[in-house]
Amino acid sequence: MKLIKKIQQLLLEPLQAQLQQIQVQLRQAKDDNAATKLVMGAMLAKFAGQASSMKDAEFKLFSQFGDDGIIQYLISHVKPRVDTFVEFGVEDYEEANTRFLMMNNNWKGLIIDGSSHFIEHIKTSSFYWRYSLKAISSFITAENINQLLVNNGIAGQIGLLSIDIDGNDYWVWKAITEVEADIVVIEYNSLFGSDRSITVPYRPDFMRQEAHYSYLYFGASLPALCDLALEKGYAFVGCNQAGNNAYFVKKDKLNGIPALSVEEGYVYSRFRENRNQEGVMTHLDGVERRPLLTGLPVINTKTNAQEYL
């Protein structure tokens, strides 16, 4: 038996060494790719700052859609005095709204995700020691968000807040009192339409994938977020062209950026992430998705009454 184990060890050691070498090479290639992106992004950022509108400014490097460019456009006009961001719902931070802001503009920040696996992965990345970034794992609720911010050294004025938690986004933003951001980017659900101020009912344990098989039942409508923004002293300045993120700027920081009505800024999403009851993506287009939500409960944020889609 000892001889067999020795032979197995001799056979496995070269393979393990090769695997480790491949992992090192992959990590280096990933870092090289990020460096190339940053060189290109620096040039794009200059154009974005000079763009005539958010739409013209859009470009994607690390964001899921064109939000990298929008954020560069906004900070060039708003000129936040505090170069600190907070973003939650970042997964592994490969696609995030603040990563380019951190790496191109050297902002510092706090990122939060409910998955400890993702957070541990982020902490092994080379950018984690190169920049002033703090990553923590926590499932965010309306009850714990303020304490999470304070416990991690974030309070008072910050430059940008990004909220994308696929569920209680409206309720969590409503609950935040410990920080005030010059710019807020928050996901909205375009399938909830542009007429009703509605959101999914609050549940501390809300999980998009469990709430409805379609993955389309989450978040809040754009009118609901615009109403909440108004209460908090923000102006709505537009959505990305993908139709999933809405942008708000403190009224006293607009500096020439036009405030928009819901009708002027609403964008209906075209990406196709819906699932069937077996969990398989079915790629329904446009209005084909909307019937999947018929009859599901929502809260009217103006009256706090339960209604239905």
C-alpha atoms as a PDB file:
ATOM      1  CA  MET A   1       0.000   0.000   0.000  1.00  0.00           C
ATOM      2  CA  LYS A   2       2.867   2.378   0.842  1.00  0.00           C
ATOM      3  CA  LEU A   3       4.415   1.743  -2.564  1.00  0.00           C
ATOM      4  CA  ILE A   4       1.121   2.479  -4.330  1.00  0.00           C
ATOM      5  CA  LYS A   5       0.717   5.760  -2.423  1.00  0.00           C
ATOM      6  CA  LYS A   6       4.302   6.728  -3.306  1.00  0.00           C
ATOM      7  CA  ILE A   7       3.662   6.085  -6.999  1.00  0.00           C
ATOM      8  CA  GLN A   8       0.416   8.099  -6.868  1.00  0.00           C
ATOM      9  CA  GLN A   9       2.260  10.994  -5.204  1.00  0.00           C
ATOM     10  CA  LEU A  10       4.991  10.951  -7.841  1.00  0.00           C
ATOM     11  CA  LEU A  11       2.378  11.006 -10.605  1.00  0.00           C
ATOM     12  CA  LEU A  12       0.282  13.756  -9.019  1.00  0.00           C
ATOM     13  CA  GLU A  13       3.066  16.181  -8.070  1.00  0.00           C
ATOM     14  CA  PRO A  14       3.974  17.152 -11.666  1.00  0.00           C
ATOM     15  CA  LEU A  15       0.282  17.620 -12.492  1.00  0.00           C
ATOM     16  CA  GLN A  16      -0.269  19.841  -9.455  1.00  0.00           C
ATOM     17  CA  ALA A  17       2.791  21.908 -10.388  1.00  0.00           C
ATOM     18  CA  GLN A  18       1.445  22.351 -13.913  1.00  0.00           C
ATOM     19  CA  LEU A  19      -1.960  23.391 -12.594  1.00  0.00           C
ATOM     20  CA  GLN A  20      -0.365  25.959 -10.302  1.00  0.00           C
ATOM     21  CA  GLN A  21       1.671  27.317 -13.215  1.00  0.00           C
ATOM     22  CA  ILE A  22      -1.463  27.633 -15.356  1.00  0.00           C
ATOM     23  CA  GLN A  23      -3.267  29.465 -12.531  1.00  0.00           C
ATOM     24  CA  VAL A  24      -0.376  31.932 -12.253  1.00  0.00           C
ATOM     25  CA  GLN A  25      -0.439  32.519 -16.017  1.00  0.00           C
ATOM     26  CA  LEU A  26      -4.195  33.018 -16.043  1.00  0.00           C
ATOM     27  CA  ARG A  27      -3.951  35.508 -13.185  1.00  0.00           C
ATOM     28  CA  GLN A  28      -1.225  37.414 -15.024  1.00  0.00           C
ATOM     29  CA  ALA A  29      -3.258  37.464 -18.237  1.00  0.00           C
ATOM     30  CA  LYS A  30      -6.230  38.795 -16.286  1.00  0.00           C
ATOM     31  CA  ASP A  31      -4.106  41.568 -14.770  1.00  0.00           C
ATOM     32  CA  ASP A  32      -2.670  42.440 -18.204  1.00  0.00           C
ATOM     33  CA  ASN A  33      -6.176  42.611 -19.654  1.00  0.00           C
ATOM     34  CA  ALA A  34      -7.290  44.951 -16.853  1.00  0.00           C
ATOM     35  CA  ALA A  35      -4.249  47.170 -17.473  1.00  0.00           C
ATOM     36  CA  THR A  36      -5.101  47.402 -21.170  1.00  0.00           C
ATOM     37  CA  LYS A  37      -8.685  48.265 -20.313  1.00  0.00           C
ATOM     38  CA  LEU A  38      -7.513  51.054 -18.035  1.00  0.00           C
ATOM     39  CA  VAL A  39      -5.385  52.663 -20.740  1.00  0.00           C
ATOM     40  CA  MET A  40      -8.345  52.654 -23.112  1.00  0.00           C
ATOM     41  CA  GLY A  41     -10.689  53.734 -20.328  1.00  0.00           C
ATOM     42  CA  ALA A  42      -8.582  56.768 -19.452  1.00  0.00           C
ATOM     43  CA  MET A  43      -9.064  58.087 -22.989  1.00  0.00           C
ATOM     44  CA  LEU A  44     -12.763  57.279 -23.015  1.00  0.00           C
ATOM     45  CA  ALA A  45     -13.195  58.990 -19.646  1.00  0.00           C
ATOM     46  CA  LYS A  46     -11.904  62.274 -21.095  1.00  0.00           C
ATOM     47  CA  PHE A  47     -14.462  62.114 -23.896  1.00  0.00           C
ATOM     48  CA  ALA A  48     -17.216  61.167 -21.447  1.00  0.00           C
ATOM     49  CA  GLY A  49     -16.476  64.212 -19.316  1.00  0.00           C
ATOM     50  CA  GLN A  50     -16.938  66.426 -22.362  1.00  0.00           C
ATOM     51  CA  ALA A  51     -20.058  64.659 -23.683  1.00  0.00           C
ATOM     52  CA  SER A  52     -23.211  66.673 -24.204  1.00  0.00           C
ATOM     53  CA  SER A  53     -25.449  64.119 -22.464  1.00  0.00           C
ATOM     54  CA  MET A  54     -25.402  60.973 -20.349  1.00  0.00           C
ATOM     55  CA  LYS A  55     -26.384  58.953 -23.407  1.00  0.00           C
ATOM     56  CA  ASP A  56     -23.403  60.201 -25.390  1.00  0.00           C
ATOM     57  CA  ALA A  57     -21.088  59.491 -22.464  1.00  0.00           C
ATOM     58  CA  GLU A  58     -21.881  55.786 -22.064  1.00  0.00           C
ATOM     59  CA  PHE A  59     -19.107  53.216 -22.290  1.00  0.00           C
ATOM     60  CA  LYS A  60     -18.407  49.904 -20.601  1.00  0.00           C
ATOM     61  CA  LEU A  61     -15.148  48.609 -19.165  1.00  0.00           C
ATOM     62  CA  PHE A  62     -16.005  47.019 -15.839  1.00  0.00           C
ATOM     63  CA  SER A  63     -19.686  47.929 -15.543  1.00  0.00           C
ATOM     64  CA  GLN A  64     -22.364  45.548 -16.792  1.00  0.00           C
ATOM     65  CA  PHE A  65     -23.622  48.055 -19.331  1.00  0.00           C
ATOM     66  CA  GLY A  66     -22.583  51.648 -20.150  1.00  0.00           C
ATOM     67  CA  ASP A  67     -22.423  52.896 -16.575  1.00  0.00           C
ATOM     68  CA  ASP A  68     -18.645  53.460 -16.464  1.00  0.00           C
ATOM     69  CA  GLY A  69     -19.047  56.310 -18.927  1.00  0.00           C
ATOM     70  CA  ILE A  70     -22.140  57.747 -17.231  1.00  0.00           C
ATOM     71  CA  ILE A  71     -20.342  57.925 -13.893  1.00  0.00           C
ATOM     72  CA  GLN A  72     -17.359  59.682 -15.489  1.00  0.00           C
ATOM     73  CA  TYR A  73     -19.748  62.175 -17.086  1.00  0.00           C
ATOM     74  CA  LEU A  74     -21.512  62.843 -13.791  1.00  0.00           C
ATOM     75  CA  ILE A  75     -18.423  63.263 -11.613  1.00  0.00           C
ATOM     76  CA  SER A  76     -16.954  65.700 -14.151  1.00  0.00           C
ATOM     77  CA  HIS A  77     -20.023  67.931 -13.681  1.00  0.00           C
ATOM     78  CA  VAL A  78     -20.943  67.273 -10.055  1.00  0.00           C
ATOM     79  CA  LYS A  79     -17.323  67.402  -8.843  1.00  0.00           C
ATOM     80  CA  PRO A  80     -17.903  65.522  -5.564  1.00  0.00           C
ATOM     81  CA  ARG A  81     -15.813  66.867  -2.704  1.00  0.00           C
ATOM     82  CA  VAL A  82     -15.493  63.407  -1.144  1.00  0.00           C
ATOM     83  CA  ASP A  83     -13.928  60.719  -3.333  1.00  0.00           C
ATOM     84  CA  THR A  84     -15.566  57.814  -1.508  1.00  0.00           C
ATOM     85  CA  PHE A  85     -18.056  55.329  -2.893  1.00  0.00           C
ATOM     86  CA  VAL A  86     -20.277  52.598  -1.501  1.00  0.00           C
ATOM     87  CA  GLU A  87     -21.609  49.812  -3.690  1.00  0.00           C
ATOM     88  CA  PHE A  88     -23.568  46.768  -2.680  1.00  0.00           C
ATOM     89  CA  GLY A  89     -24.602  43.817  -4.787  1.00  0.00           C
ATOM     90  CA  VAL A  90     -21.177  43.503  -6.481  1.00  0.00           C
ATOM     91  CA  GLU A  91     -20.863  39.696  -6.730  1.00  0.00           C
ATOM     92  CA  ASP A  92     -17.187  39.057  -7.657  1.00  0.00           C
ATOM     93  CA  TYR A  93     -16.602  42.720  -8.687  1.00  0.00           C
ATOM     94  CA  GLU A  94     -15.764  41.710 -12.257  1.00  0.00           C
ATOM     95  CA  GLU A  95     -18.781  43.737 -13.418  1.00  0.00           C
ATOM     96  CA  ALA A  96     -19.512  46.641 -11.093  1.00  0.00           C
ATOM     97  CA  ASN A  97     -20.358  50.328 -11.259  1.00  0.00           C
ATOM     98  CA  THR A  98     -17.469  51.532  -9.087  1.00  0.00           C
ATOM     99  CA  ARG A  99     -14.477  49.459 -10.158  1.00  0.00           C
ATOM    100  CA  PHE A 100     -13.418  51.799 -12.978  1.00  0.00           C
ATOM    101  CA  LEU A 101     -14.051  54.782 -10.699  1.00  0.00           C
ATOM    102  CA  MET A 102     -11.657  53.223  -8.191  1.00  0.00           C
ATOM    103  CA  MET A 103      -8.963  52.262 -10.693  1.00  0.00           C
ATOM    104  CA  ASN A 104      -9.127  55.264 -13.035  1.00  0.00           C
ATOM    105  CA  ASN A 105      -9.878  58.036 -10.543  1.00  0.00           C
ATOM    106  CA  ASN A 106      -8.283  56.440  -7.470  1.00  0.00           C
ATOM    107  CA  TRP A 107     -11.451  56.699  -5.386  1.00  0.00           C
ATOM    108  CA  LYS A 108     -11.680  54.677  -2.201  1.00  0.00           C
ATOM    109  CA  GLY A 109     -14.702  52.715  -1.118  1.00  0.00           C
ATOM    110  CA  LEU A 110     -16.688  49.994   0.531  1.00  0.00           C
ATOM    111  CA  ILE A 111     -18.280  47.112  -1.348  1.00  0.00           C
ATOM    112  CA  ILE A 112     -20.732  44.628   0.147  1.00  0.00           C
ATOM    113  CA  ASP A 113     -22.100  41.349  -1.170  1.00  0.00           C
ATOM    114  CA  GLY A 114     -24.127  38.597   0.424  1.00  0.00           C
ATOM    115  CA  SER A 115     -21.764  35.873  -0.805  1.00  0.00           C
ATOM    116  CA  SER A 116     -18.691  35.191   1.342  1.00  0.00           C
ATOM    117  CA  HIS A 117     -17.262  33.208  -1.589  1.00  0.00           C
ATOM    118  CA  PHE A 118     -17.332  36.291  -3.835  1.00  0.00           C
ATOM    119  CA  ILE A 119     -15.825  38.503  -1.141  1.00  0.00           C
ATOM    120  CA  GLU A 120     -12.965  36.084  -0.476  1.00  0.00           C
ATOM    121  CA  HIS A 121     -12.304  35.954  -4.218  1.00  0.00           C
ATOM    122  CA  ILE A 122     -12.150  39.761  -4.370  1.00  0.00           C
ATOM    123  CA  LYS A 123      -9.623  39.821  -1.535  1.00  0.00           C
ATOM    124  CA  THR A 124      -7.245  37.616  -3.543  1.00  0.00           C
ATOM    125  CA  SER A 125      -7.273  40.028  -6.509  1.00  0.00           C
ATOM    126  CA  SER A 126      -4.292  42.269  -7.166  1.00  0.00           C
ATOM    127  CA  PHE A 127      -6.456  45.403  -7.189  1.00  0.00           C
ATOM    128  CA  TYR A 128      -7.481  44.734  -3.593  1.00  0.00           C
ATOM    129  CA  TRP A 129      -4.064  45.763  -2.244  1.00  0.00           C
ATOM    130  CA  ARG A 130      -3.404  48.373  -4.899  1.00  0.00           C
ATOM    131  CA  TYR A 131      -6.402  50.525  -3.968  1.00  0.00           C
ATOM    132  CA  SER A 132      -8.168  51.652  -0.826  1.00  0.00           C
ATOM    133  CA  LEU A 133     -11.003  49.149  -1.016  1.00  0.00           C
ATOM    134  CA  LYS A 134     -12.833  47.374   1.785  1.00  0.00           C
ATOM    135  CA  ALA A 135     -14.941  44.328   0.919  1.00  0.00           C
ATOM    136  CA  ILE A 136     -17.313  42.692   3.376  1.00  0.00           C
ATOM    137  CA  SER A 137     -19.848  39.903   3.177  1.00  0.00           C
ATOM    138  CA  SER A 138     -23.330  40.578   4.514  1.00  0.00           C
ATOM    139  CA  PHE A 139     -26.904  40.060   3.405  1.00  0.00           C
ATOM    140  CA  ILE A 140     -28.260  43.611   3.340  1.00  0.00           C
ATOM    141  CA  THR A 141     -31.597  44.536   4.862  1.00  0.00           C
ATOM    142  CA  ALA A 142     -33.348  47.789   5.711  1.00  0.00           C
ATOM    143  CA  GLU A 143     -32.670  46.980   9.364  1.00  0.00           C
ATOM    144  CA  ASN A 144     -28.896  46.456   9.137  1.00  0.00           C
ATOM    145  CA  ILE A 145     -27.684  48.772   6.369  1.00  0.00           C
ATOM    146  CA  ASN A 146     -26.950  51.819   8.536  1.00  0.00           C
ATOM    147  CA  GLN A 147     -25.043  49.803  11.099  1.00  0.00           C
ATOM    148  CA  LEU A 148     -23.063  48.084   8.358  1.00  0.00           C
ATOM    149  CA  LEU A 149     -21.989  51.454   6.991  1.00  0.00           C
ATOM    150  CA  VAL A 150     -21.017  52.893  10.369  1.00  0.00           C
ATOM    151  CA  ASN A 151     -19.214  49.722  11.469  1.00  0.00           C
ATOM    152  CA  ASN A 152     -17.058  49.952   8.349  1.00  0.00           C
ATOM    153  CA  GLY A 153     -16.132  53.601   8.737  1.00  0.00           C
ATOM    154  CA  ILE A 154     -18.643  55.100   6.306  1.00  0.00           C
ATOM    155  CA  ALA A 155     -20.754  57.980   7.575  1.00  0.00           C
ATOM    156  CA  GLY A 156     -21.759  61.460   6.464  1.00  0.00           C
ATOM    157  CA  GLN A 157     -20.884  62.751   3.013  1.00  0.00           C
ATOM    158  CA  ILE A 158     -19.768  60.405   0.231  1.00  0.00           C
ATOM    159  CA  GLY A 159     -19.380  60.871  -3.504  1.00  0.00           C
ATOM    160  CA  LEU A 160     -21.387  57.991  -4.930  1.00  0.00           C
ATOM    161  CA  LEU A 161     -23.779  55.305  -3.741  1.00  0.00           C
ATOM    162  CA  SER A 162     -24.641  52.333  -5.972  1.00  0.00           C
ATOM    163  CA  ILE A 163     -27.492  49.978  -5.046  1.00  0.00           C
ATOM    164  CA  ASP A 164     -28.179  46.744  -6.923  1.00  0.00           C
ATOM    165  CA  ILE A 165     -29.488  43.959  -4.703  1.00  0.00           C
ATOM    166  CA  ASP A 166     -32.207  42.560  -6.978  1.00  0.00           C
ATOM    167  CA  GLY A 167     -35.035  42.971  -4.516  1.00  0.00           C
ATOM    168  CA  ASN A 168     -35.368  45.388  -1.624  1.00  0.00           C
ATOM    169  CA  ASP A 169     -33.527  48.222  -3.405  1.00  0.00           C
ATOM    170  CA  TYR A 170     -36.271  50.795  -2.727  1.00  0.00           C
ATOM    171  CA  TRP A 171     -36.646  49.825   0.946  1.00  0.00           C
ATOM    172  CA  VAL A 172     -32.903  49.834   1.612  1.00  0.00           C
ATOM    173  CA  TRP A 173     -32.358  53.255   0.025  1.00  0.00           C
ATOM    174  CA  LYS A 174     -35.330  54.574   1.982  1.00  0.00           C
ATOM    175  CA  ALA A 175     -33.760  53.248   5.199  1.00  0.00           C
ATOM    176  CA  ILE A 176     -30.311  54.791   4.662  1.00  0.00           C
ATOM    177  CA  THR A 177     -29.738  57.783   6.936  1.00  0.00           C
ATOM    178  CA  GLU A 178     -26.063  57.495   7.898  1.00  0.00           C
ATOM    179  CA  VAL A 179     -24.639  58.595   4.555  1.00  0.00           C
ATOM    180  CA  GLU A 180     -25.545  61.195   1.969  1.00  0.00           C
ATOM    181  CA  ALA A 181     -24.160  60.752  -1.528  1.00  0.00           C
ATOM    182  CA  ASP A 182     -23.816  63.410  -4.201  1.00  0.00           C
ATOM    183  CA  ILE A 183     -24.684  60.793  -6.846  1.00  0.00           C
ATOM    184  CA  VAL A 184     -26.920  57.745  -6.468  1.00  0.00           C
ATOM    185  CA  VAL A 185     -27.233  54.952  -9.025  1.00  0.00           C
ATOM    186  CA  ILE A 186     -29.911  52.381  -8.283  1.00  0.00           C
ATOM    187  CA  GLU A 187     -31.398  49.534 -10.253  1.00  0.00           C
ATOM    188  CA  TYR A 188     -35.044  49.848 -11.277  1.00  0.00           C
ATOM    189  CA  ASN A 189     -37.411  47.300 -12.790  1.00  0.00           C
ATOM    190  CA  SER A 190     -38.545  48.643 -16.145  1.00  0.00           C
ATOM    191  CA  LEU A 191     -41.207  45.919 -16.408  1.00  0.00           C
ATOM    192  CA  PHE A 192     -43.093  47.670 -13.599  1.00  0.00           C
ATOM    193  CA  GLY A 193     -43.767  50.484 -16.078  1.00  0.00           C
ATOM    194  CA  SER A 194     -43.479  54.263 -15.979  1.00  0.00           C
ATOM    195  CA  ASP A 195     -46.916  55.118 -14.561  1.00  0.00           C
ATOM    196  CA  ARG A 196     -47.181  53.477 -11.138  1.00  0.00           C
ATOM    197  CA  SER A 197     -45.072  54.106  -8.024  1.00  0.00           C
ATOM    198  CA  ILE A 198     -44.669  50.499  -6.923  1.00  0.00           C
ATOM    199  CA  THR A 199     -42.151  48.115  -5.377  1.00  0.00           C
ATOM    200  CA  VAL A 200     -42.053  44.514  -4.272  1.00  0.00           C
ATOM    201  CA  PRO A 201     -43.322  44.134  -0.688  1.00  0.00           C
ATOM    202  CA  TYR A 202     -40.544  44.299   1.884  1.00  0.00           C
ATOM    203  CA  ARG A 203     -39.223  41.014   3.189  1.00  0.00           C
ATOM    204  CA  PRO A 204     -35.849  40.992   4.988  1.00  0.00           C
ATOM    205  CA  ASP A 205     -35.037  37.621   3.388  1.00  0.00           C
ATOM    206  CA  PHE A 206     -36.160  38.539  -0.146  1.00  0.00           C
ATOM    207  CA  MET A 207     -34.323  36.494  -2.779  1.00  0.00           C
ATOM    208  CA  ARG A 208     -35.062  37.214  -6.423  1.00  0.00           C
ATOM    209  CA  GLN A 209     -34.584  33.640  -7.548  1.00  0.00           C
ATOM    210  CA  GLU A 210     -37.006  32.402  -4.885  1.00  0.00           C
ATOM    211  CA  ALA A 211     -39.603  35.173  -5.176  1.00  0.00           C
ATOM    212  CA  HIS A 212     -40.695  34.084  -8.662  1.00  0.00           C
ATOM    213  CA  TYR A 213     -39.358  31.555 -11.141  1.00  0.00           C
ATOM    214  CA  SER A 214     -39.077  34.166 -13.914  1.00  0.00           C
ATOM    215  CA  TYR A 215     -36.357  36.220 -12.137  1.00  0.00           C
ATOM    216  CA  LEU A 216     -38.375  39.276 -13.221  1.00  0.00           C
ATOM    217  CA  TYR A 217     -40.137  40.011  -9.932  1.00  0.00           C
ATOM    218  CA  PHE A 218     -37.842  42.319  -7.969  1.00  0.00           C
ATOM    219  CA  GLY A 219     -37.081  45.922  -7.143  1.00  0.00           C
ATOM    220  CA  ALA A 220     -39.142  49.023  -7.790  1.00  0.00           C
ATOM    221  CA  SER A 221     -40.543  51.073 -10.634  1.00  0.00           C
ATOM    222  CA  LEU A 222     -38.789  54.213 -11.796  1.00  0.00           C
ATOM    223  CA  PRO A 223     -41.642  56.486 -10.530  1.00  0.00           C
ATOM    224  CA  ALA A 224     -41.304  54.990  -7.031  1.00  0.00           C
ATOM    225  CA  LEU A 225     -37.568  55.699  -6.986  1.00  0.00           C
ATOM    226  CA  CYS A 226     -38.072  59.220  -8.334  1.00  0.00           C
ATOM    227  CA  ASP A 227     -40.584  59.959  -5.566  1.00  0.00           C
ATOM    228  CA  LEU A 228     -38.161  58.689  -2.939  1.00  0.00           C
ATOM    229  CA  ALA A 229     -35.309  60.666  -4.497  1.00  0.00           C
ATOM    230  CA  LEU A 230     -37.393  63.842  -4.296  1.00  0.00           C
ATOM    231  CA  GLU A 231     -37.958  63.215  -0.579  1.00  0.00           C
ATOM    232  CA  LYS A 232     -34.211  62.859  -0.090  1.00  0.00           C
ATOM    233  CA  GLY A 233     -33.334  66.022  -2.029  1.00  0.00           C
ATOM    234  CA  TYR A 234     -32.287  64.473  -5.347  1.00  0.00           C
ATOM    235  CA  ALA A 235     -33.127  65.181  -8.970  1.00  0.00           C
ATOM    236  CA  PHE A 236     -33.588  62.414 -11.519  1.00  0.00           C
ATOM    237  CA  VAL A 237     -31.070  62.861 -14.350  1.00  0.00           C
ATOM    238  CA  GLY A 238     -31.648  59.776 -16.486  1.00  0.00           C
ATOM    239  CA  CYS A 239     -31.220  56.045 -17.031  1.00  0.00           C
ATOM    240  CA  ASN A 240     -28.642  54.018 -18.872  1.00  0.00           C
ATOM    241  CA  GLN A 241     -29.586  52.849 -22.350  1.00  0.00           C
ATOM    242  CA  ALA A 242     -29.888  49.255 -21.143  1.00  0.00           C
ATOM    243  CA  GLY A 243     -32.856  50.271 -19.004  1.00  0.00           C
ATOM    244  CA  ASN A 244     -31.758  48.879 -15.648  1.00  0.00           C
ATOM    245  CA  ASN A 245     -30.031  51.712 -13.755  1.00  0.00           C
ATOM    246  CA  ALA A 246     -31.435  55.114 -12.799  1.00  0.00           C
ATOM    247  CA  TYR A 247     -29.273  58.096 -11.785  1.00  0.00           C
ATOM    248  CA  PHE A 248     -29.954  60.791  -9.226  1.00  0.00           C
ATOM    249  CA  VAL A 249     -27.920  63.854  -8.248  1.00  0.00           C
ATOM    250  CA  LYS A 250     -28.309  66.129  -5.240  1.00  0.00           C
ATOM    251  CA  LYS A 251     -30.274  69.170  -6.413  1.00  0.00           C
ATOM    252  CA  ASP A 252     -27.591  71.610  -5.298  1.00  0.00           C
ATOM    253  CA  LYS A 253     -24.912  69.662  -7.213  1.00  0.00           C
ATOM    254  CA  LEU A 254     -26.503  69.507 -10.674  1.00  0.00           C
ATOM    255  CA  ASN A 255     -24.140  72.144 -12.097  1.00  0.00           C
ATOM    256  CA  GLY A 256     -25.942  72.314 -15.419  1.00  0.00           C
ATOM    257  CA  ILE A 257     -27.054  68.685 -15.676  1.00  0.00           C
ATOM    258  CA  PRO A 258     -30.739  68.800 -16.663  1.00  0.00           C
ATOM    259  CA  ALA A 259     -33.269  67.278 -14.267  1.00  0.00           C
ATOM    260  CA  LEU A 260     -35.727  65.006 -16.068  1.00  0.00           C
ATOM    261  CA  SER A 261     -39.256  63.814 -15.551  1.00  0.00           C
ATOM    262  CA  VAL A 262     -40.002  60.092 -15.490  1.00  0.00           C
ATOM    263  CA  GLU A 263     -41.500  60.388 -18.962  1.00  0.00           C
ATOM    264  CA  GLU A 264     -38.352  62.044 -20.321  1.00  0.00           C
ATOM    265  CA  GLY A 265     -35.889  59.600 -18.774  1.00  0.00           C
ATOM    266  CA  TYR A 266     -37.613  56.222 -18.631  1.00  0.00           C
ATOM    267  CA  VAL A 267     -35.988  53.440 -20.663  1.00  0.00           C
ATOM    268  CA  TYR A 268     -37.637  50.076 -21.253  1.00  0.00           C
ATOM    269  CA  SER A 269     -35.111  47.260 -20.909  1.00  0.00           C
ATOM    270  CA  ARG A 270     -34.305  44.912 -23.776  1.00  0.00           C
ATOM    271  CA  PHE A 271     -31.969  42.418 -22.102  1.00  0.00           C
ATOM    272  CA  ARG A 272     -33.488  38.933 -21.813  1.00  0.00           C
ATOM    273  CA  GLU A 273     -32.678  37.239 -18.525  1.00  0.00           C
ATOM    274  CA  ASN A 274     -36.034  35.628 -17.758  1.00  0.00           C
ATOM    275  CA  ARG A 275     -36.387  31.926 -16.887  1.00  0.00           C
ATOM    276  CA  ASN A 276     -39.069  29.289 -17.209  1.00  0.00           C
ATOM    277  CA  GLN A 277     -40.297  27.137 -14.325  1.00  0.00           C
ATOM    278  CA  GLU A 278     -37.399  24.727 -14.844  1.00  0.00           C
ATOM    279  CA  GLY A 279     -34.903  27.578 -14.374  1.00  0.00           C
ATOM    280  CA  VAL A 280     -33.855  27.666 -18.034  1.00  0.00           C
ATOM    281  CA  MET A 281     -33.413  31.049 -19.737  1.00  0.00           C
ATOM    282  CA  THR A 282     -36.069  31.533 -22.418  1.00  0.00           C
ATOM    283  CA  HIS A 283     -34.908  34.870 -23.854  1.00  0.00           C
ATOM    284  CA  LEU A 284     -38.327  36.455 -24.169  1.00  0.00           C
ATOM    285  CA  ASP A 285     -38.225  39.877 -25.801  1.00  0.00           C
ATOM    286  CA  GLY A 286     -39.830  43.124 -24.763  1.00  0.00           C
ATOM    287  CA  VAL A 287     -43.492  42.965 -23.834  1.00  0.00           C
ATOM    288  CA  GLU A 288     -43.483  39.156 -23.961  1.00  0.00           C
ATOM    289  CA  ARG A 289     -41.983  39.223 -20.462  1.00  0.00           C
ATOM    290  CA  ARG A 290     -44.655  41.330 -18.801  1.00  0.00           C
ATOM    291  CA  PRO A 291     -47.471  38.712 -18.656  1.00  0.00           C
ATOM    292  CA  LEU A 292     -45.251  36.498 -16.479  1.00  0.00           C
ATOM    293  CA  LEU A 293     -45.745  39.007 -13.643  1.00  0.00           C
ATOM    294  CA  THR A 294     -49.523  39.335 -13.877  1.00  0.00           C
ATOM    295  CA  GLY A 295     -51.226  39.030 -10.499  1.00  0.00           C
ATOM    296  CA  LEU A 296     -48.100  39.325  -8.343  1.00  0.00           C
ATOM    297  CA  PRO A 297     -48.405  41.672  -5.325  1.00  0.00           C
ATOM    298  CA  VAL A 298     -46.703  45.073  -5.134  1.00  0.00           C
ATOM    299  CA  ILE A 299     -46.815  47.987  -2.719  1.00  0.00           C
ATOM    300  CA  ASN A 300     -47.997  51.392  -3.907  1.00  0.00           C
ATOM    301  CA  THR A 301     -45.320  53.632  -2.394  1.00  0.00           C
ATOM    302  CA  LYS A 302     -47.598  56.659  -2.428  1.00  0.00           C
ATOM    303  CA  THR A 303     -50.404  55.019  -0.416  1.00  0.00           C
ATOM    304  CA  ASN A 304     -48.534  52.059   1.150  1.00  0.00           C
ATOM    305  CA  ALA A 305     -51.421  49.866  -0.019  1.00  0.00           C
ATOM    306  CA  GLN A 306     -50.991  46.468  -1.625  1.00  0.00           C
ATOM    307  CA  GLU A 307     -51.837  46.254  -5.313  1.00  0.00           C
ATOM    308  CA  TYR A 308     -51.197  43.744  -8.087  1.00  0.00           C
ATOM    309  CA  LEU A 309     -49.292  43.732 -11.333  1.00  0.00           C
END
